[in-house]
Amino acid sequence: MQVVALSCGNGGKEAQDFIHKVFMPHLQGFLTAEGEDAGVFEARGALALSTDSFVVDPPIFKGGDIGKLCVCGSANDVAMQGAHPEYLSVGFILEEGLEVALLQEILASMQAQLRLGGLKLLSLDTKVVPKGCVDQIFINTTALGPVLYPHLSAKNLKEGQVIIVSGAIGTHGAVLFSQRAEIQLDTPLVSDCQQLYPLLEPVFQSGCKLHALRDATRGGLASVLHEWAQSSGVGIEVEEDCIPILEGVRGVCEILGLEPFMLANEGVCVLCVEAKDARQVCALLQEGGAKKACVIGEVVAGRGVTLKTPWGSKRPLDILEGELLPRIC
């Protein structure tokens, strides 16, 4: 089989052969349903659940692909609630004519991320639609896991708390911009797409006081900070010089007239922590591989988000308006 045919979604012999020959070599070891329509698990207190759909264009990009992205994206959303992602439910929507080799590459990428995160698949579904009804492949994922560090919330911010980022911002967005057919910039950048729970687990276990946690995906760092400031009724002031940004990202932004603070990330989180714990949190993140983790600002009196420039002046940090780049995740 070279391409996906409509009969691959007919529920009959072709569909069964398609599932067993293409999907099962990559995903069978993670399935808990064992041929049934639903998987069973035992709950252990509070659980966090997140559902997301992934439609990224192109489906394979520098540093990742839609398979890696869907596992990391949903697992990260659960981790942002202080939870350990353990289970996934996955739904594939495939376009008739999709090359099976491309699908297998995506499945292999998913397999690697499932293994890396110790994740299990509770349920798996595949639908095939006529050519033109979907662009190659869309994936929906639901992640589930027990809450280990409860009560993280955008409403928890208070004056004097500190804002930390786990890494350089805007890289995923810059990569997608550079790879779009209408732009095609030559850059050595690769997406920051990664699972964040392994990075955060030592922080959760450290005894440090966390107040809020968010992965800076669509809308980037600016959207996270604005949502926090609005939800808690506080001001946030960040130092422009302290925010880690790769030179390649700066270059893409200069060429295209973009603000790196608004570009999407898929492997960077923002933390609001107690000031006395900021140094330890940064150290733990750095020890876990987030070498650029650092303090970028603090919660202050007032309202809104302010950026302090290298020249000592201050300006409002704008939030994204309109669609900067569709189908980025």
C-alpha atoms as a PDB file:
ATOM      1  CA  MET A   1       0.000   0.000   0.000  1.00  0.00           C
ATOM      2  CA  GLN A   2       1.471   3.307  -1.129  1.00  0.00           C
ATOM      3  CA  VAL A   3      -1.339   5.785  -0.374  1.00  0.00           C
ATOM      4  CA  VAL A   4      -4.409   5.957   1.863  1.00  0.00           C
ATOM      5  CA  ALA A   5      -7.599   4.926   0.041  1.00  0.00           C
ATOM      6  CA  LEU A   6     -11.179   5.717   1.059  1.00  0.00           C
ATOM      7  CA  SER A   7     -11.697   2.012   1.737  1.00  0.00           C
ATOM      8  CA  CYS A   8      -9.100   2.292   4.530  1.00  0.00           C
ATOM      9  CA  GLY A   9     -11.864   3.888   6.582  1.00  0.00           C
ATOM     10  CA  ASN A  10     -14.712   1.531   5.662  1.00  0.00           C
ATOM     11  CA  GLY A  11     -14.656  -0.510   8.882  1.00  0.00           C
ATOM     12  CA  GLY A  12     -14.184  -3.710   6.877  1.00  0.00           C
ATOM     13  CA  LYS A  13     -11.272  -5.822   5.685  1.00  0.00           C
ATOM     14  CA  GLU A  14      -9.350  -2.925   4.108  1.00  0.00           C
ATOM     15  CA  ALA A  15      -9.684  -0.856   7.268  1.00  0.00           C
ATOM     16  CA  GLN A  16      -8.541  -3.711   9.488  1.00  0.00           C
ATOM     17  CA  ASP A  17      -5.563  -4.428   7.240  1.00  0.00           C
ATOM     18  CA  PHE A  18      -4.671  -0.731   7.188  1.00  0.00           C
ATOM     19  CA  ILE A  19      -4.766  -0.454  10.989  1.00  0.00           C
ATOM     20  CA  HIS A  20      -2.779  -3.647  11.567  1.00  0.00           C
ATOM     21  CA  LYS A  21      -0.154  -3.041   8.888  1.00  0.00           C
ATOM     22  CA  VAL A  22       0.384   0.717   9.253  1.00  0.00           C
ATOM     23  CA  PHE A  23      -0.641   1.808  12.766  1.00  0.00           C
ATOM     24  CA  MET A  24      -0.051  -1.211  14.987  1.00  0.00           C
ATOM     25  CA  PRO A  25       3.679  -1.606  14.321  1.00  0.00           C
ATOM     26  CA  HIS A  26       4.141   1.828  15.857  1.00  0.00           C
ATOM     27  CA  LEU A  27       1.371   2.160  18.467  1.00  0.00           C
ATOM     28  CA  GLN A  28       0.256  -1.319  19.591  1.00  0.00           C
ATOM     29  CA  GLY A  29       2.693  -1.406  22.500  1.00  0.00           C
ATOM     30  CA  PHE A  30       1.044   1.670  24.006  1.00  0.00           C
ATOM     31  CA  LEU A  31      -2.615   0.642  23.634  1.00  0.00           C
ATOM     32  CA  THR A  32      -4.572  -0.426  26.719  1.00  0.00           C
ATOM     33  CA  ALA A  33      -7.909  -1.137  25.002  1.00  0.00           C
ATOM     34  CA  GLU A  34      -6.776  -4.533  23.613  1.00  0.00           C
ATOM     35  CA  GLY A  35      -9.182  -4.528  20.663  1.00  0.00           C
ATOM     36  CA  GLU A  36     -12.072  -2.874  22.517  1.00  0.00           C
ATOM     37  CA  ASP A  37     -13.592   0.542  21.812  1.00  0.00           C
ATOM     38  CA  ALA A  38     -12.405   2.077  25.082  1.00  0.00           C
ATOM     39  CA  GLY A  39      -9.550   1.654  27.496  1.00  0.00           C
ATOM     40  CA  VAL A  40      -9.939   1.337  31.262  1.00  0.00           C
ATOM     41  CA  PHE A  41      -7.783   2.967  33.918  1.00  0.00           C
ATOM     42  CA  GLU A  42      -7.940   3.480  37.688  1.00  0.00           C
ATOM     43  CA  ALA A  43      -8.344   7.023  38.978  1.00  0.00           C
ATOM     44  CA  ARG A  44      -6.180   8.194  41.855  1.00  0.00           C
ATOM     45  CA  GLY A  45      -7.616  11.446  43.158  1.00  0.00           C
ATOM     46  CA  ALA A  46      -7.625  14.649  41.098  1.00  0.00           C
ATOM     47  CA  LEU A  47      -7.008  14.275  37.360  1.00  0.00           C
ATOM     48  CA  ALA A  48      -6.167  16.826  34.673  1.00  0.00           C
ATOM     49  CA  LEU A  49      -7.506  16.351  31.127  1.00  0.00           C
ATOM     50  CA  SER A  50      -6.894  18.327  27.951  1.00  0.00           C
ATOM     51  CA  THR A  51      -8.116  17.906  24.373  1.00  0.00           C
ATOM     52  CA  ASP A  52      -6.464  19.545  21.377  1.00  0.00           C
ATOM     53  CA  SER A  53      -6.491  19.261  17.591  1.00  0.00           C
ATOM     54  CA  PHE A  54      -3.381  19.562  15.438  1.00  0.00           C
ATOM     55  CA  VAL A  55      -3.464  20.828  11.856  1.00  0.00           C
ATOM     56  CA  VAL A  56       0.101  22.116  11.428  1.00  0.00           C
ATOM     57  CA  ASP A  57       1.314  23.126   7.969  1.00  0.00           C
ATOM     58  CA  PRO A  58       3.704  21.710   6.853  1.00  0.00           C
ATOM     59  CA  PRO A  59       3.079  18.411   8.693  1.00  0.00           C
ATOM     60  CA  ILE A  60       6.836  17.794   8.901  1.00  0.00           C
ATOM     61  CA  PHE A  61       9.028  20.736   9.912  1.00  0.00           C
ATOM     62  CA  LYS A  62      12.543  21.279  11.197  1.00  0.00           C
ATOM     63  CA  GLY A  63      12.728  19.753  14.658  1.00  0.00           C
ATOM     64  CA  GLY A  64       9.433  17.906  14.560  1.00  0.00           C
ATOM     65  CA  ASP A  65       6.249  16.875  12.814  1.00  0.00           C
ATOM     66  CA  ILE A  66       2.536  16.639  13.527  1.00  0.00           C
ATOM     67  CA  GLY A  67       3.051  13.288  15.304  1.00  0.00           C
ATOM     68  CA  LYS A  68       5.615  14.617  17.758  1.00  0.00           C
ATOM     69  CA  LEU A  69       3.627  17.838  18.112  1.00  0.00           C
ATOM     70  CA  CYS A  70       0.330  16.179  19.031  1.00  0.00           C
ATOM     71  CA  VAL A  71       1.888  14.059  21.788  1.00  0.00           C
ATOM     72  CA  CYS A  72       3.985  16.894  23.203  1.00  0.00           C
ATOM     73  CA  GLY A  73       1.214  19.472  22.875  1.00  0.00           C
ATOM     74  CA  SER A  74      -1.456  17.569  24.788  1.00  0.00           C
ATOM     75  CA  ALA A  75       0.973  16.155  27.340  1.00  0.00           C
ATOM     76  CA  ASN A  76       2.254  19.671  28.007  1.00  0.00           C
ATOM     77  CA  ASP A  77      -1.253  21.058  28.515  1.00  0.00           C
ATOM     78  CA  VAL A  78      -1.816  18.496  31.271  1.00  0.00           C
ATOM     79  CA  ALA A  79       1.603  19.181  32.804  1.00  0.00           C
ATOM     80  CA  MET A  80       0.732  22.886  33.039  1.00  0.00           C
ATOM     81  CA  GLN A  81      -1.887  21.946  35.631  1.00  0.00           C
ATOM     82  CA  GLY A  82       0.787  20.359  37.802  1.00  0.00           C
ATOM     83  CA  ALA A  83      -0.152  16.891  36.540  1.00  0.00           C
ATOM     84  CA  HIS A  84       1.800  13.906  35.253  1.00  0.00           C
ATOM     85  CA  PRO A  85       0.508  13.013  31.759  1.00  0.00           C
ATOM     86  CA  GLU A  86      -0.009   9.245  31.634  1.00  0.00           C
ATOM     87  CA  TYR A  87      -2.713   8.488  29.062  1.00  0.00           C
ATOM     88  CA  LEU A  88      -3.616   9.668  25.580  1.00  0.00           C
ATOM     89  CA  SER A  89      -6.596   9.203  23.301  1.00  0.00           C
ATOM     90  CA  VAL A  90      -5.805   9.859  19.631  1.00  0.00           C
ATOM     91  CA  GLY A  91      -7.996  10.437  16.575  1.00  0.00           C
ATOM     92  CA  PHE A  92      -6.612  10.631  13.025  1.00  0.00           C
ATOM     93  CA  ILE A  93      -8.381  12.280  10.080  1.00  0.00           C
ATOM     94  CA  LEU A  94      -6.589  11.217   6.907  1.00  0.00           C
ATOM     95  CA  GLU A  95      -7.006  12.510   3.373  1.00  0.00           C
ATOM     96  CA  GLU A  96      -7.546  10.017   0.607  1.00  0.00           C
ATOM     97  CA  GLY A  97      -4.260   9.721  -1.285  1.00  0.00           C
ATOM     98  CA  LEU A  98      -2.026  10.463   1.719  1.00  0.00           C
ATOM     99  CA  GLU A  99       1.286   8.700   1.183  1.00  0.00           C
ATOM    100  CA  VAL A 100       1.606   5.788   3.589  1.00  0.00           C
ATOM    101  CA  ALA A 101       5.345   6.434   3.896  1.00  0.00           C
ATOM    102  CA  LEU A 102       4.583   9.921   5.248  1.00  0.00           C
ATOM    103  CA  LEU A 103       2.018   8.490   7.664  1.00  0.00           C
ATOM    104  CA  GLN A 104       4.503   5.901   8.907  1.00  0.00           C
ATOM    105  CA  GLU A 105       7.119   8.610   9.487  1.00  0.00           C
ATOM    106  CA  ILE A 106       4.592  10.515  11.599  1.00  0.00           C
ATOM    107  CA  LEU A 107       3.603   7.376  13.512  1.00  0.00           C
ATOM    108  CA  ALA A 108       7.241   6.563  14.227  1.00  0.00           C
ATOM    109  CA  SER A 109       7.663  10.056  15.652  1.00  0.00           C
ATOM    110  CA  MET A 110       4.622   9.546  17.869  1.00  0.00           C
ATOM    111  CA  GLN A 111       5.997   6.190  18.979  1.00  0.00           C
ATOM    112  CA  ALA A 112       9.256   7.814  20.091  1.00  0.00           C
ATOM    113  CA  GLN A 113       7.420  10.470  22.115  1.00  0.00           C
ATOM    114  CA  LEU A 114       5.043   7.972  23.714  1.00  0.00           C
ATOM    115  CA  ARG A 115       8.020   5.918  24.811  1.00  0.00           C
ATOM    116  CA  LEU A 116       9.891   9.000  26.043  1.00  0.00           C
ATOM    117  CA  GLY A 117       6.938  10.148  28.155  1.00  0.00           C
ATOM    118  CA  GLY A 118       5.935   6.682  29.388  1.00  0.00           C
ATOM    119  CA  LEU A 119       2.476   7.342  27.942  1.00  0.00           C
ATOM    120  CA  LYS A 120      -0.265   4.789  27.208  1.00  0.00           C
ATOM    121  CA  LEU A 121      -2.994   5.010  24.570  1.00  0.00           C
ATOM    122  CA  LEU A 122      -6.481   4.523  25.993  1.00  0.00           C
ATOM    123  CA  SER A 123      -8.228   4.826  22.632  1.00  0.00           C
ATOM    124  CA  LEU A 124      -7.325   5.219  18.971  1.00  0.00           C
ATOM    125  CA  ASP A 125      -9.548   6.152  16.025  1.00  0.00           C
ATOM    126  CA  THR A 126      -8.955   6.665  12.307  1.00  0.00           C
ATOM    127  CA  LYS A 127     -11.196   8.289   9.709  1.00  0.00           C
ATOM    128  CA  VAL A 128     -10.448   8.654   6.000  1.00  0.00           C
ATOM    129  CA  VAL A 129     -12.137  11.462   4.054  1.00  0.00           C
ATOM    130  CA  PRO A 130     -12.272  12.169   0.300  1.00  0.00           C
ATOM    131  CA  LYS A 131      -9.404  14.052  -1.286  1.00  0.00           C
ATOM    132  CA  GLY A 132      -9.740  17.793  -0.701  1.00  0.00           C
ATOM    133  CA  CYS A 133     -11.798  17.480   2.487  1.00  0.00           C
ATOM    134  CA  VAL A 134      -8.726  17.729   4.721  1.00  0.00           C
ATOM    135  CA  ASP A 135      -5.119  18.716   4.081  1.00  0.00           C
ATOM    136  CA  GLN A 136      -3.214  15.396   4.300  1.00  0.00           C
ATOM    137  CA  ILE A 137      -3.556  14.658   8.028  1.00  0.00           C
ATOM    138  CA  PHE A 138      -5.194  16.195  11.097  1.00  0.00           C
ATOM    139  CA  ILE A 139      -4.823  14.651  14.561  1.00  0.00           C
ATOM    140  CA  ASN A 140      -6.905  15.132  17.708  1.00  0.00           C
ATOM    141  CA  THR A 141      -5.446  14.111  21.059  1.00  0.00           C
ATOM    142  CA  THR A 142      -6.764  13.985  24.609  1.00  0.00           C
ATOM    143  CA  ALA A 143      -4.264  13.708  27.451  1.00  0.00           C
ATOM    144  CA  LEU A 144      -5.025  12.637  31.016  1.00  0.00           C
ATOM    145  CA  GLY A 145      -2.984  12.402  34.189  1.00  0.00           C
ATOM    146  CA  PRO A 146      -3.016  12.697  37.990  1.00  0.00           C
ATOM    147  CA  VAL A 147      -2.432  16.100  39.559  1.00  0.00           C
ATOM    148  CA  LEU A 148       0.760  16.176  41.619  1.00  0.00           C
ATOM    149  CA  TYR A 149       1.027  19.921  42.264  1.00  0.00           C
ATOM    150  CA  PRO A 150      -2.518  21.285  42.729  1.00  0.00           C
ATOM    151  CA  HIS A 151      -4.007  24.783  42.613  1.00  0.00           C
ATOM    152  CA  LEU A 152      -1.915  26.336  39.854  1.00  0.00           C
ATOM    153  CA  SER A 153      -3.974  29.140  38.337  1.00  0.00           C
ATOM    154  CA  ALA A 154      -3.790  32.343  36.300  1.00  0.00           C
ATOM    155  CA  LYS A 155      -5.713  33.945  39.185  1.00  0.00           C
ATOM    156  CA  ASN A 156      -2.941  33.357  41.749  1.00  0.00           C
ATOM    157  CA  LEU A 157      -0.595  36.224  40.872  1.00  0.00           C
ATOM    158  CA  LYS A 158       0.246  38.808  43.538  1.00  0.00           C
ATOM    159  CA  GLU A 159       2.672  41.706  43.711  1.00  0.00           C
ATOM    160  CA  GLY A 160       6.250  40.644  44.446  1.00  0.00           C
ATOM    161  CA  GLN A 161       6.115  37.253  42.723  1.00  0.00           C
ATOM    162  CA  VAL A 162       8.645  36.468  40.002  1.00  0.00           C
ATOM    163  CA  ILE A 163       8.199  35.447  36.334  1.00  0.00           C
ATOM    164  CA  ILE A 164      10.492  32.781  34.832  1.00  0.00           C
ATOM    165  CA  VAL A 165      10.751  31.358  31.310  1.00  0.00           C
ATOM    166  CA  SER A 166      12.182  27.891  30.760  1.00  0.00           C
ATOM    167  CA  GLY A 167      13.922  28.668  27.465  1.00  0.00           C
ATOM    168  CA  ALA A 168      14.381  30.843  24.392  1.00  0.00           C
ATOM    169  CA  ILE A 169      11.061  32.106  23.045  1.00  0.00           C
ATOM    170  CA  GLY A 170       9.535  32.221  19.577  1.00  0.00           C
ATOM    171  CA  THR A 171      11.523  29.406  17.996  1.00  0.00           C
ATOM    172  CA  HIS A 172       8.636  27.196  16.844  1.00  0.00           C
ATOM    173  CA  GLY A 173       6.821  30.145  15.294  1.00  0.00           C
ATOM    174  CA  ALA A 174       9.963  31.352  13.540  1.00  0.00           C
ATOM    175  CA  VAL A 175      10.600  27.874  12.103  1.00  0.00           C
ATOM    176  CA  LEU A 176       7.060  27.592  10.749  1.00  0.00           C
ATOM    177  CA  PHE A 177       7.239  31.077   9.238  1.00  0.00           C
ATOM    178  CA  SER A 178      10.551  30.262   7.563  1.00  0.00           C
ATOM    179  CA  GLN A 179       9.262  26.986   6.083  1.00  0.00           C
ATOM    180  CA  ARG A 180       5.990  28.234   4.625  1.00  0.00           C
ATOM    181  CA  ALA A 181       5.990  27.965   0.844  1.00  0.00           C
ATOM    182  CA  GLU A 182       5.273  31.659   0.346  1.00  0.00           C
ATOM    183  CA  ILE A 183       8.248  32.705   2.521  1.00  0.00           C
ATOM    184  CA  GLN A 184      10.947  29.984   2.371  1.00  0.00           C
ATOM    185  CA  LEU A 185      13.673  31.576   4.473  1.00  0.00           C
ATOM    186  CA  ASP A 186      16.920  29.639   4.865  1.00  0.00           C
ATOM    187  CA  THR A 187      17.582  29.305   8.601  1.00  0.00           C
ATOM    188  CA  PRO A 188      19.349  26.748  10.829  1.00  0.00           C
ATOM    189  CA  LEU A 189      16.565  27.038  13.420  1.00  0.00           C
ATOM    190  CA  VAL A 190      14.696  23.931  14.589  1.00  0.00           C
ATOM    191  CA  SER A 191      11.427  23.867  16.519  1.00  0.00           C
ATOM    192  CA  ASP A 192      11.598  23.744  20.316  1.00  0.00           C
ATOM    193  CA  CYS A 193       8.867  21.067  20.342  1.00  0.00           C
ATOM    194  CA  GLN A 194       9.376  18.840  23.407  1.00  0.00           C
ATOM    195  CA  GLN A 195       7.603  17.326  26.391  1.00  0.00           C
ATOM    196  CA  LEU A 196       7.842  19.578  29.439  1.00  0.00           C
ATOM    197  CA  TYR A 197       6.854  17.249  32.287  1.00  0.00           C
ATOM    198  CA  PRO A 198      10.342  15.686  32.622  1.00  0.00           C
ATOM    199  CA  LEU A 199      11.718  19.200  32.984  1.00  0.00           C
ATOM    200  CA  LEU A 200       9.100  20.218  35.563  1.00  0.00           C
ATOM    201  CA  GLU A 201       8.954  17.087  37.702  1.00  0.00           C
ATOM    202  CA  PRO A 202      11.964  18.095  39.869  1.00  0.00           C
ATOM    203  CA  VAL A 203      10.408  21.535  40.355  1.00  0.00           C
ATOM    204  CA  PHE A 204       7.110  19.987  41.483  1.00  0.00           C
ATOM    205  CA  GLN A 205       9.009  17.819  43.972  1.00  0.00           C
ATOM    206  CA  SER A 206      11.335  20.550  45.244  1.00  0.00           C
ATOM    207  CA  GLY A 207       9.030  22.255  47.713  1.00  0.00           C
ATOM    208  CA  CYS A 208       9.360  25.544  45.820  1.00  0.00           C
ATOM    209  CA  LYS A 209       6.171  27.600  45.727  1.00  0.00           C
ATOM    210  CA  LEU A 210       4.631  27.822  42.253  1.00  0.00           C
ATOM    211  CA  HIS A 211       1.611  30.017  41.612  1.00  0.00           C
ATOM    212  CA  ALA A 212       0.961  29.702  37.862  1.00  0.00           C
ATOM    213  CA  LEU A 213       2.347  27.688  34.972  1.00  0.00           C
ATOM    214  CA  ARG A 214       1.630  27.893  31.250  1.00  0.00           C
ATOM    215  CA  ASP A 215       3.190  26.749  28.000  1.00  0.00           C
ATOM    216  CA  ALA A 216       3.525  29.706  25.659  1.00  0.00           C
ATOM    217  CA  THR A 217       1.989  28.272  22.483  1.00  0.00           C
ATOM    218  CA  ARG A 218      -0.162  30.348  20.123  1.00  0.00           C
ATOM    219  CA  GLY A 219       0.183  34.036  20.958  1.00  0.00           C
ATOM    220  CA  GLY A 220       3.531  33.368  22.607  1.00  0.00           C
ATOM    221  CA  LEU A 221       4.903  34.876  25.794  1.00  0.00           C
ATOM    222  CA  ALA A 222       2.847  38.049  25.394  1.00  0.00           C
ATOM    223  CA  SER A 223      -0.484  36.187  25.460  1.00  0.00           C
ATOM    224  CA  VAL A 224       0.438  34.249  28.605  1.00  0.00           C
ATOM    225  CA  LEU A 225       1.482  37.382  30.486  1.00  0.00           C
ATOM    226  CA  HIS A 226      -1.622  39.327  29.430  1.00  0.00           C
ATOM    227  CA  GLU A 227      -3.933  36.494  30.451  1.00  0.00           C
ATOM    228  CA  TRP A 228      -2.259  36.266  33.850  1.00  0.00           C
ATOM    229  CA  ALA A 229      -2.334  40.023  34.431  1.00  0.00           C
ATOM    230  CA  GLN A 230      -6.002  40.235  33.487  1.00  0.00           C
ATOM    231  CA  SER A 231      -7.081  37.149  35.444  1.00  0.00           C
ATOM    232  CA  SER A 232      -5.308  38.271  38.633  1.00  0.00           C
ATOM    233  CA  GLY A 233      -5.913  42.006  38.274  1.00  0.00           C
ATOM    234  CA  VAL A 234      -2.197  42.844  38.543  1.00  0.00           C
ATOM    235  CA  GLY A 235       0.612  44.350  36.522  1.00  0.00           C
ATOM    236  CA  ILE A 236       3.560  42.404  35.110  1.00  0.00           C
ATOM    237  CA  GLU A 237       6.856  44.049  34.224  1.00  0.00           C
ATOM    238  CA  VAL A 238       9.466  42.156  32.216  1.00  0.00           C
ATOM    239  CA  GLU A 239      13.023  43.075  31.254  1.00  0.00           C
ATOM    240  CA  GLU A 240      13.575  42.887  27.491  1.00  0.00           C
ATOM    241  CA  ASP A 241      17.284  42.165  27.940  1.00  0.00           C
ATOM    242  CA  CYS A 242      16.513  39.194  30.185  1.00  0.00           C
ATOM    243  CA  ILE A 243      14.180  37.386  27.777  1.00  0.00           C
ATOM    244  CA  PRO A 244      16.171  34.674  25.922  1.00  0.00           C
ATOM    245  CA  ILE A 245      15.737  34.871  22.144  1.00  0.00           C
ATOM    246  CA  LEU A 246      17.898  32.988  19.638  1.00  0.00           C
ATOM    247  CA  GLU A 247      19.700  35.075  17.023  1.00  0.00           C
ATOM    248  CA  GLY A 248      17.986  33.121  14.267  1.00  0.00           C
ATOM    249  CA  VAL A 249      14.599  34.066  15.696  1.00  0.00           C
ATOM    250  CA  ARG A 250      15.637  37.726  15.857  1.00  0.00           C
ATOM    251  CA  GLY A 251      16.677  37.489  12.220  1.00  0.00           C
ATOM    252  CA  VAL A 252      13.349  36.052  11.082  1.00  0.00           C
ATOM    253  CA  CYS A 253      11.513  38.714  13.072  1.00  0.00           C
ATOM    254  CA  GLU A 254      13.579  41.529  11.565  1.00  0.00           C
ATOM    255  CA  ILE A 255      13.019  40.289   8.029  1.00  0.00           C
ATOM    256  CA  LEU A 256       9.269  39.777   8.453  1.00  0.00           C
ATOM    257  CA  GLY A 257       8.548  42.641  10.863  1.00  0.00           C
ATOM    258  CA  LEU A 258       7.445  40.379  13.717  1.00  0.00           C
ATOM    259  CA  GLU A 259       7.644  40.605  17.514  1.00  0.00           C
ATOM    260  CA  PRO A 260       9.322  37.498  19.005  1.00  0.00           C
ATOM    261  CA  PHE A 261       7.148  37.893  22.125  1.00  0.00           C
ATOM    262  CA  MET A 262       4.089  36.944  20.035  1.00  0.00           C
ATOM    263  CA  LEU A 263       5.562  33.918  18.258  1.00  0.00           C
ATOM    264  CA  ALA A 264       4.450  30.428  19.253  1.00  0.00           C
ATOM    265  CA  ASN A 265       6.503  27.991  21.297  1.00  0.00           C
ATOM    266  CA  GLU A 266       6.002  24.244  21.679  1.00  0.00           C
ATOM    267  CA  GLY A 267       8.620  23.477  24.318  1.00  0.00           C
ATOM    268  CA  VAL A 268       8.797  26.562  26.530  1.00  0.00           C
ATOM    269  CA  CYS A 269       6.794  27.287  29.651  1.00  0.00           C
ATOM    270  CA  VAL A 270       6.303  30.387  31.778  1.00  0.00           C
ATOM    271  CA  LEU A 271       6.280  30.092  35.570  1.00  0.00           C
ATOM    272  CA  CYS A 272       5.138  32.470  38.286  1.00  0.00           C
ATOM    273  CA  VAL A 273       6.944  31.608  41.518  1.00  0.00           C
ATOM    274  CA  GLU A 274       7.603  32.980  44.970  1.00  0.00           C
ATOM    275  CA  ALA A 275      10.556  35.400  44.817  1.00  0.00           C
ATOM    276  CA  LYS A 276      12.572  33.477  47.415  1.00  0.00           C
ATOM    277  CA  ASP A 277      12.352  30.305  45.312  1.00  0.00           C
ATOM    278  CA  ALA A 278      13.224  31.829  41.933  1.00  0.00           C
ATOM    279  CA  ARG A 279      16.929  30.996  42.035  1.00  0.00           C
ATOM    280  CA  GLN A 280      16.289  27.344  42.945  1.00  0.00           C
ATOM    281  CA  VAL A 281      13.596  26.928  40.295  1.00  0.00           C
ATOM    282  CA  CYS A 282      15.932  28.296  37.600  1.00  0.00           C
ATOM    283  CA  ALA A 283      18.720  25.997  38.798  1.00  0.00           C
ATOM    284  CA  LEU A 284      16.448  22.932  38.659  1.00  0.00           C
ATOM    285  CA  LEU A 285      15.271  23.795  35.153  1.00  0.00           C
ATOM    286  CA  GLN A 286      18.838  24.317  33.998  1.00  0.00           C
ATOM    287  CA  GLU A 287      19.941  21.013  35.522  1.00  0.00           C
ATOM    288  CA  GLY A 288      17.126  19.331  33.589  1.00  0.00           C
ATOM    289  CA  GLY A 289      18.432  20.665  30.292  1.00  0.00           C
ATOM    290  CA  ALA A 290      16.701  24.058  30.045  1.00  0.00           C
ATOM    291  CA  LYS A 291      20.004  25.926  29.951  1.00  0.00           C
ATOM    292  CA  LYS A 292      18.420  29.290  29.144  1.00  0.00           C
ATOM    293  CA  ALA A 293      15.862  29.207  31.988  1.00  0.00           C
ATOM    294  CA  CYS A 294      15.918  32.549  33.771  1.00  0.00           C
ATOM    295  CA  VAL A 295      13.974  35.237  35.603  1.00  0.00           C
ATOM    296  CA  ILE A 296      12.506  37.775  33.172  1.00  0.00           C
ATOM    297  CA  GLY A 297      10.359  39.977  35.401  1.00  0.00           C
ATOM    298  CA  GLU A 298       8.010  40.344  38.330  1.00  0.00           C
ATOM    299  CA  VAL A 299       4.436  40.962  39.321  1.00  0.00           C
ATOM    300  CA  VAL A 300       3.882  44.622  40.190  1.00  0.00           C
ATOM    301  CA  ALA A 301       1.120  46.985  41.252  1.00  0.00           C
ATOM    302  CA  GLY A 302      -1.148  48.314  38.519  1.00  0.00           C
ATOM    303  CA  ARG A 303      -2.607  46.657  35.432  1.00  0.00           C
ATOM    304  CA  GLY A 304      -1.340  45.252  32.146  1.00  0.00           C
ATOM    305  CA  VAL A 305       2.042  44.080  30.889  1.00  0.00           C
ATOM    306  CA  THR A 306       5.029  46.394  30.569  1.00  0.00           C
ATOM    307  CA  LEU A 307       8.308  45.792  28.774  1.00  0.00           C
ATOM    308  CA  LYS A 308      11.385  47.525  30.170  1.00  0.00           C
ATOM    309  CA  THR A 309      13.760  48.265  27.286  1.00  0.00           C
ATOM    310  CA  PRO A 310      17.576  48.085  27.414  1.00  0.00           C
ATOM    311  CA  TRP A 311      17.633  51.907  27.481  1.00  0.00           C
ATOM    312  CA  GLY A 312      15.621  52.092  30.695  1.00  0.00           C
ATOM    313  CA  SER A 313      12.371  53.213  29.112  1.00  0.00           C
ATOM    314  CA  LYS A 314       9.130  51.293  29.392  1.00  0.00           C
ATOM    315  CA  ARG A 315       6.444  50.457  26.864  1.00  0.00           C
ATOM    316  CA  PRO A 316       3.311  48.327  26.878  1.00  0.00           C
ATOM    317  CA  LEU A 317       3.895  44.789  25.629  1.00  0.00           C
ATOM    318  CA  ASP A 318       1.122  44.353  23.098  1.00  0.00           C
ATOM    319  CA  ILE A 319      -0.952  41.201  22.861  1.00  0.00           C
ATOM    320  CA  LEU A 320      -1.454  39.451  19.532  1.00  0.00           C
ATOM    321  CA  GLU A 321      -4.450  40.662  17.524  1.00  0.00           C
ATOM    322  CA  GLY A 322      -5.697  38.877  14.435  1.00  0.00           C
ATOM    323  CA  GLU A 323      -4.186  35.668  13.003  1.00  0.00           C
ATOM    324  CA  LEU A 324      -0.409  35.962  12.839  1.00  0.00           C
ATOM    325  CA  LEU A 325       0.140  32.562  11.198  1.00  0.00           C
ATOM    326  CA  PRO A 326      -2.648  29.989  10.770  1.00  0.00           C
ATOM    327  CA  ARG A 327      -2.089  26.250  11.263  1.00  0.00           C
ATOM    328  CA  ILE A 328       0.995  26.627  13.428  1.00  0.00           C
ATOM    329  CA  CYS A 329       0.085  23.678  15.654  1.00  0.00           C
END
